[in-house]
């Protein structure tokens, strides 16, 4: 006999709901691209006076094979720089524990094994490596042992050459100035057309100039190739050891017209006379039996300009197309980085910088100059440039592809699933009732 409508309704509902659900899934679903999460990196800058730990972060999706890096956080290591732990090298490694613990907490645990960590030692360790290589090796070994005891991806502990320090600093400054890439209003990163800038750094022990040149370099040994955001940059670095802040101050006479009136400072004669940057200067007119003498300021601006100008040998022959202090090569740049850091020396250093531009690098003083130490809330230092370069070697994570549906379609599918369950329940209930009725009928007949 033919099935009644009560028997046909539940399976029909199930069939219709199932077909509708399949149709909605095939037509209305879309491929949703889930961008990969962030990656992290740690760089420790071991300077002369202290060590700073930088945590950097970037999207796992890179731009032309280079990450778009931002500064996540920093931690200043308590205590002096690692070169000062000469009596107990092991303490150089122990001093890093607090900041490494902070890094462990700041970086997600699942990212620890993928997070590179690198320590670069700069000026003081370069000097220590020349004067006491055994002590330098012991300090680096202690730091290496400490970093390897953490679950990060250890990338090395090295004494950074002044050339690499300058190149990485150049990369950091130009990156923060958006000279490589910039974020467009369309919501994408695009190549910048501004061109790069040169960076001049006045440090305690040397003056450094880092720049790119158009065409062939006249000093290939001082050229470093950098690959950033799909472009290759030929970066040149020149260091001038006798033009650092401390050396400039030592090369002035005992009566210093660049200092404020009546300001004085006690100086060890040996520290000036034995220094290679001052040994060739005229001998100081002090009694031979005196070990120390006082430098007194006279606040004479014209005499200060003349005295500082004498530090530059303007008669040197320049065999290059452009000149730098005492005949070294320079680019045709107009922007620089300067930082006078002591009030008493403000006048002498600003005068030195003026003569450095006018007589040393022969910059056009009529053009505007800009100075900067921090850009976009990020420290403009070599660790950022190192991390930018390192991201080139870190593989890019693939996009995660998911199938998604709109909210309205999702609600409709939920209703259809409810109907399927309801129809199935009704069908089962109906079959149970029919079976019970038949069983009761058979019992009565018997």
Foldseek 3Di string as FASTA:
>chain_A
DDDDVLLVVLVVLLVVLVVVLVVCQVPFKDKDWFFAAKAKEWEWEQEQFWIKIWIKIFGLDDFLLFTLIDTPDMDTFPGGGLLPCLVPLLVLQVSCVVVVVVVCVVDDVVNALVYEYEYEYEDVLVVCCVVPVVSSVSNQVSNVVNVVVGNHRYDYYYHDDPLLQQVLLQLLVCVLVCQAWDQDPVRDIDGDDPHGAKEWDAAQFKIKIKDFDPDDDPDQVQWDWFQFSNDITTMGMDIGRCRHPNNLVLQFALAAQQFPAFDKDKDFPCVNCVDPSRVPPDDHPDDPVDGIDMRGYDNDLVVLLVRLLVSADLPADAPDPFFAGNHDDDDQGDEYEDDDDDPRCPRNVVSNVVCRCCRGRNHDPVDDYDYDQDGPNHGSGSVNSVSRRVSSVRNRDDIDIDMDGDPVSVVSSVVSVVSSVVSVVSSVVVVVVVVVVVVVVVVVVD
